[in-house]
Amino acid sequence: MIKTFLVSAFALMLAANVSYGQDIKQSQVPSVVVNKFHQTFPKAYDVEWELNGDLYKVEFEMGATGYDHSVWYDKSGKVVKHKEEIAKSSLPKAILEVIAKDYSGYRVDDVKKYTENGKVTYKCELDSKTQDWKVTFDENGKVLDKIAD
């Protein structure tokens, strides 16, 4: 019984590790991917690499404030997805207008910009004393997703 439990637990941990990616050294990343990363983000620091399936994910920080970034590359060095932490003031005007109108009294927190397949979306937490939301907007301020937090 205990042996079966241990084998099951080990298999589950192994599956979780594969599905969430595994940390790798930069030397294990194809040079075309590393070169593309360094060309695009020459001032990146606190760099960590992962292998997620067949994509290379790099997490790093930029700027004096240490904004977090995550970029996924395919093996040819093409950016597949980019997630970056941004300041509220960097949100497009259309989104700020929707927040002011539809979420008056909410505090904007944890703002992220996602770029994937040429499409840009913004996710932020909107917090009030009575309700918190995780809201995804397109560049024009249209709400794409809204989840109670």
C-alpha atoms as a PDB file:
ATOM      1  CA  MET A   1       0.000   0.000   0.000  1.00  0.00           C
ATOM      2  CA  ILE A   2       2.710   2.477   1.015  1.00  0.00           C
ATOM      3  CA  LYS A   3       4.812   1.426  -1.987  1.00  0.00           C
ATOM      4  CA  THR A   4       1.872   2.107  -4.331  1.00  0.00           C
ATOM      5  CA  PHE A   5       1.328   5.495  -2.707  1.00  0.00           C
ATOM      6  CA  LEU A   6       5.009   6.434  -3.072  1.00  0.00           C
ATOM      7  CA  VAL A   7       5.108   5.373  -6.716  1.00  0.00           C
ATOM      8  CA  SER A   8       1.930   7.360  -7.418  1.00  0.00           C
ATOM      9  CA  ALA A   9       3.272  10.429  -5.608  1.00  0.00           C
ATOM     10  CA  PHE A  10       6.554  10.248  -7.526  1.00  0.00           C
ATOM     11  CA  ALA A  11       4.729   9.910 -10.866  1.00  0.00           C
ATOM     12  CA  LEU A  12       2.551  12.894 -10.011  1.00  0.00           C
ATOM     13  CA  MET A  13       5.565  15.031  -9.085  1.00  0.00           C
ATOM     14  CA  LEU A  14       7.336  14.031 -12.293  1.00  0.00           C
ATOM     15  CA  ALA A  15       4.286  14.915 -14.400  1.00  0.00           C
ATOM     16  CA  ALA A  16       3.945  18.284 -12.652  1.00  0.00           C
ATOM     17  CA  ASN A  17       7.598  19.075 -13.290  1.00  0.00           C
ATOM     18  CA  VAL A  18       7.279  18.286 -17.005  1.00  0.00           C
ATOM     19  CA  SER A  19       4.066  20.294 -17.431  1.00  0.00           C
ATOM     20  CA  TYR A  20       5.366  23.384 -15.633  1.00  0.00           C
ATOM     21  CA  GLY A  21       8.825  23.332 -17.143  1.00  0.00           C
ATOM     22  CA  GLN A  22      12.182  22.595 -15.750  1.00  0.00           C
ATOM     23  CA  ASP A  23      14.994  24.955 -14.888  1.00  0.00           C
ATOM     24  CA  ILE A  24      17.959  24.744 -17.208  1.00  0.00           C
ATOM     25  CA  LYS A  25      21.315  26.451 -17.507  1.00  0.00           C
ATOM     26  CA  GLN A  26      21.813  29.064 -20.207  1.00  0.00           C
ATOM     27  CA  SER A  27      24.418  26.742 -21.755  1.00  0.00           C
ATOM     28  CA  GLN A  28      21.569  24.280 -22.480  1.00  0.00           C
ATOM     29  CA  VAL A  29      19.638  26.882 -24.503  1.00  0.00           C
ATOM     30  CA  PRO A  30      20.305  27.044 -28.277  1.00  0.00           C
ATOM     31  CA  SER A  31      22.746  29.864 -29.079  1.00  0.00           C
ATOM     32  CA  VAL A  32      20.289  31.415 -31.558  1.00  0.00           C
ATOM     33  CA  VAL A  33      17.777  31.817 -28.694  1.00  0.00           C
ATOM     34  CA  VAL A  34      20.355  33.220 -26.256  1.00  0.00           C
ATOM     35  CA  ASN A  35      21.691  35.651 -28.871  1.00  0.00           C
ATOM     36  CA  LYS A  36      18.193  36.875 -29.745  1.00  0.00           C
ATOM     37  CA  PHE A  37      17.443  37.371 -26.041  1.00  0.00           C
ATOM     38  CA  HIS A  38      20.654  39.370 -25.433  1.00  0.00           C
ATOM     39  CA  GLN A  39      20.050  41.513 -28.542  1.00  0.00           C
ATOM     40  CA  THR A  40      16.503  42.340 -27.481  1.00  0.00           C
ATOM     41  CA  PHE A  41      17.098  42.728 -23.738  1.00  0.00           C
ATOM     42  CA  PRO A  42      20.762  43.754 -23.260  1.00  0.00           C
ATOM     43  CA  LYS A  43      20.112  45.206 -19.784  1.00  0.00           C
ATOM     44  CA  ALA A  44      18.244  42.203 -18.388  1.00  0.00           C
ATOM     45  CA  TYR A  45      19.315  40.933 -15.001  1.00  0.00           C
ATOM     46  CA  ASP A  46      18.376  38.115 -12.619  1.00  0.00           C
ATOM     47  CA  VAL A  47      17.945  35.856 -15.666  1.00  0.00           C
ATOM     48  CA  GLU A  48      16.532  32.336 -15.269  1.00  0.00           C
ATOM     49  CA  TRP A  49      15.836  29.832 -18.058  1.00  0.00           C
ATOM     50  CA  GLU A  50      13.264  27.021 -18.233  1.00  0.00           C
ATOM     51  CA  LEU A  51      12.356  24.457 -20.832  1.00  0.00           C
ATOM     52  CA  ASN A  52       8.557  24.231 -21.229  1.00  0.00           C
ATOM     53  CA  GLY A  53       7.808  21.472 -23.722  1.00  0.00           C
ATOM     54  CA  ASP A  54       9.602  22.650 -26.848  1.00  0.00           C
ATOM     55  CA  LEU A  55       9.686  26.332 -25.791  1.00  0.00           C
ATOM     56  CA  TYR A  56      12.465  28.124 -23.959  1.00  0.00           C
ATOM     57  CA  LYS A  57      11.133  30.454 -21.292  1.00  0.00           C
ATOM     58  CA  VAL A  58      13.338  33.132 -19.825  1.00  0.00           C
ATOM     59  CA  GLU A  59      12.345  35.103 -16.736  1.00  0.00           C
ATOM     60  CA  PHE A  60      14.233  38.282 -15.922  1.00  0.00           C
ATOM     61  CA  GLU A  61      13.995  41.796 -14.568  1.00  0.00           C
ATOM     62  CA  MET A  62      14.494  45.134 -16.302  1.00  0.00           C
ATOM     63  CA  GLY A  63      14.916  48.746 -15.286  1.00  0.00           C
ATOM     64  CA  ALA A  64      15.573  50.493 -12.013  1.00  0.00           C
ATOM     65  CA  THR A  65      12.240  49.320 -10.601  1.00  0.00           C
ATOM     66  CA  GLY A  66      12.921  45.686 -11.483  1.00  0.00           C
ATOM     67  CA  TYR A  67       9.835  45.023 -13.592  1.00  0.00           C
ATOM     68  CA  ASP A  68       9.407  41.279 -14.192  1.00  0.00           C
ATOM     69  CA  HIS A  69       9.399  39.823 -17.699  1.00  0.00           C
ATOM     70  CA  SER A  70       8.802  36.337 -19.082  1.00  0.00           C
ATOM     71  CA  VAL A  71       9.512  35.564 -22.727  1.00  0.00           C
ATOM     72  CA  TRP A  72       8.890  32.264 -24.509  1.00  0.00           C
ATOM     73  CA  TYR A  73      11.063  31.451 -27.550  1.00  0.00           C
ATOM     74  CA  ASP A  74      10.818  28.613 -30.030  1.00  0.00           C
ATOM     75  CA  LYS A  75      14.021  26.761 -30.915  1.00  0.00           C
ATOM     76  CA  SER A  76      14.668  29.104 -33.867  1.00  0.00           C
ATOM     77  CA  GLY A  77      14.732  32.172 -31.598  1.00  0.00           C
ATOM     78  CA  LYS A  78      11.278  33.488 -32.521  1.00  0.00           C
ATOM     79  CA  VAL A  79       9.349  35.096 -29.663  1.00  0.00           C
ATOM     80  CA  VAL A  80       6.131  33.168 -29.100  1.00  0.00           C
ATOM     81  CA  LYS A  81       4.869  35.103 -26.079  1.00  0.00           C
ATOM     82  CA  HIS A  82       6.004  37.988 -23.893  1.00  0.00           C
ATOM     83  CA  LYS A  83       4.568  38.833 -20.479  1.00  0.00           C
ATOM     84  CA  GLU A  84       5.787  41.978 -18.769  1.00  0.00           C
ATOM     85  CA  GLU A  85       4.943  43.813 -15.597  1.00  0.00           C
ATOM     86  CA  ILE A  86       4.143  47.472 -16.312  1.00  0.00           C
ATOM     87  CA  ALA A  87       3.138  50.573 -14.395  1.00  0.00           C
ATOM     88  CA  LYS A  88      -0.525  51.592 -14.281  1.00  0.00           C
ATOM     89  CA  SER A  89       0.474  54.791 -16.086  1.00  0.00           C
ATOM     90  CA  SER A  90       1.652  52.662 -19.032  1.00  0.00           C
ATOM     91  CA  LEU A  91      -1.849  51.322 -19.690  1.00  0.00           C
ATOM     92  CA  PRO A  92      -3.427  52.622 -22.912  1.00  0.00           C
ATOM     93  CA  LYS A  93      -5.659  55.652 -22.441  1.00  0.00           C
ATOM     94  CA  ALA A  94      -8.737  53.671 -23.530  1.00  0.00           C
ATOM     95  CA  ILE A  95      -8.232  51.162 -20.702  1.00  0.00           C
ATOM     96  CA  LEU A  96      -7.687  53.892 -18.118  1.00  0.00           C
ATOM     97  CA  GLU A  97     -10.932  55.516 -19.265  1.00  0.00           C
ATOM     98  CA  VAL A  98     -12.890  52.252 -18.880  1.00  0.00           C
ATOM     99  CA  ILE A  99     -11.426  51.716 -15.414  1.00  0.00           C
ATOM    100  CA  ALA A 100     -12.319  55.279 -14.366  1.00  0.00           C
ATOM    101  CA  LYS A 101     -15.872  54.879 -15.686  1.00  0.00           C
ATOM    102  CA  ASP A 102     -16.765  51.261 -14.860  1.00  0.00           C
ATOM    103  CA  TYR A 103     -14.515  50.628 -11.847  1.00  0.00           C
ATOM    104  CA  SER A 104     -14.638  53.942 -10.044  1.00  0.00           C
ATOM    105  CA  GLY A 105     -13.272  53.528  -6.529  1.00  0.00           C
ATOM    106  CA  TYR A 106     -11.172  50.483  -7.432  1.00  0.00           C
ATOM    107  CA  ARG A 107      -7.416  50.445  -6.937  1.00  0.00           C
ATOM    108  CA  VAL A 108      -5.410  49.198  -9.933  1.00  0.00           C
ATOM    109  CA  ASP A 109      -2.765  46.652  -8.984  1.00  0.00           C
ATOM    110  CA  ASP A 110      -0.476  44.049 -10.579  1.00  0.00           C
ATOM    111  CA  VAL A 111      -0.622  45.300 -14.183  1.00  0.00           C
ATOM    112  CA  LYS A 112       0.737  42.998 -16.888  1.00  0.00           C
ATOM    113  CA  LYS A 113       1.057  43.358 -20.650  1.00  0.00           C
ATOM    114  CA  TYR A 114       0.887  40.196 -22.794  1.00  0.00           C
ATOM    115  CA  THR A 115       2.014  40.000 -26.400  1.00  0.00           C
ATOM    116  CA  GLU A 116       1.236  36.777 -28.239  1.00  0.00           C
ATOM    117  CA  ASN A 117       0.948  36.188 -31.989  1.00  0.00           C
ATOM    118  CA  GLY A 118       0.937  39.940 -32.604  1.00  0.00           C
ATOM    119  CA  LYS A 119      -2.000  40.462 -30.234  1.00  0.00           C
ATOM    120  CA  VAL A 120      -1.570  42.626 -27.137  1.00  0.00           C
ATOM    121  CA  THR A 121      -3.713  42.270 -24.025  1.00  0.00           C
ATOM    122  CA  TYR A 122      -3.499  43.775 -20.561  1.00  0.00           C
ATOM    123  CA  LYS A 123      -4.383  42.092 -17.282  1.00  0.00           C
ATOM    124  CA  CYS A 124      -4.765  43.867 -14.002  1.00  0.00           C
ATOM    125  CA  GLU A 125      -6.223  43.402 -10.579  1.00  0.00           C
ATOM    126  CA  LEU A 126      -8.911  45.866  -9.609  1.00  0.00           C
ATOM    127  CA  ASP A 127      -9.378  45.954  -5.848  1.00  0.00           C
ATOM    128  CA  SER A 128     -12.033  47.606  -3.698  1.00  0.00           C
ATOM    129  CA  LYS A 129     -13.147  47.155  -0.105  1.00  0.00           C
ATOM    130  CA  THR A 130     -15.991  44.869  -1.164  1.00  0.00           C
ATOM    131  CA  GLN A 131     -14.871  43.163  -4.399  1.00  0.00           C
ATOM    132  CA  ASP A 132     -11.650  42.308  -6.218  1.00  0.00           C
ATOM    133  CA  TRP A 133     -11.463  41.477  -9.936  1.00  0.00           C
ATOM    134  CA  LYS A 134      -8.869  40.166 -12.351  1.00  0.00           C
ATOM    135  CA  VAL A 135      -9.717  41.847 -15.642  1.00  0.00           C
ATOM    136  CA  THR A 136      -8.234  41.323 -19.112  1.00  0.00           C
ATOM    137  CA  PHE A 137      -8.553  44.154 -21.640  1.00  0.00           C
ATOM    138  CA  ASP A 138      -7.677  44.483 -25.300  1.00  0.00           C
ATOM    139  CA  GLU A 139      -5.748  47.576 -26.454  1.00  0.00           C
ATOM    140  CA  ASN A 140      -9.010  49.469 -27.046  1.00  0.00           C
ATOM    141  CA  GLY A 141     -10.360  48.967 -23.533  1.00  0.00           C
ATOM    142  CA  LYS A 142     -12.761  46.129 -24.324  1.00  0.00           C
ATOM    143  CA  VAL A 143     -13.092  43.704 -21.408  1.00  0.00           C
ATOM    144  CA  LEU A 144     -12.106  40.245 -22.647  1.00  0.00           C
ATOM    145  CA  ASP A 145     -12.273  38.405 -19.333  1.00  0.00           C
ATOM    146  CA  LYS A 146     -13.353  39.255 -15.791  1.00  0.00           C
ATOM    147  CA  ILE A 147     -12.844  36.900 -12.870  1.00  0.00           C
ATOM    148  CA  ALA A 148     -13.685  37.521  -9.222  1.00  0.00           C
ATOM    149  CA  ASP A 149     -10.536  37.398  -7.156  1.00  0.00           C
END
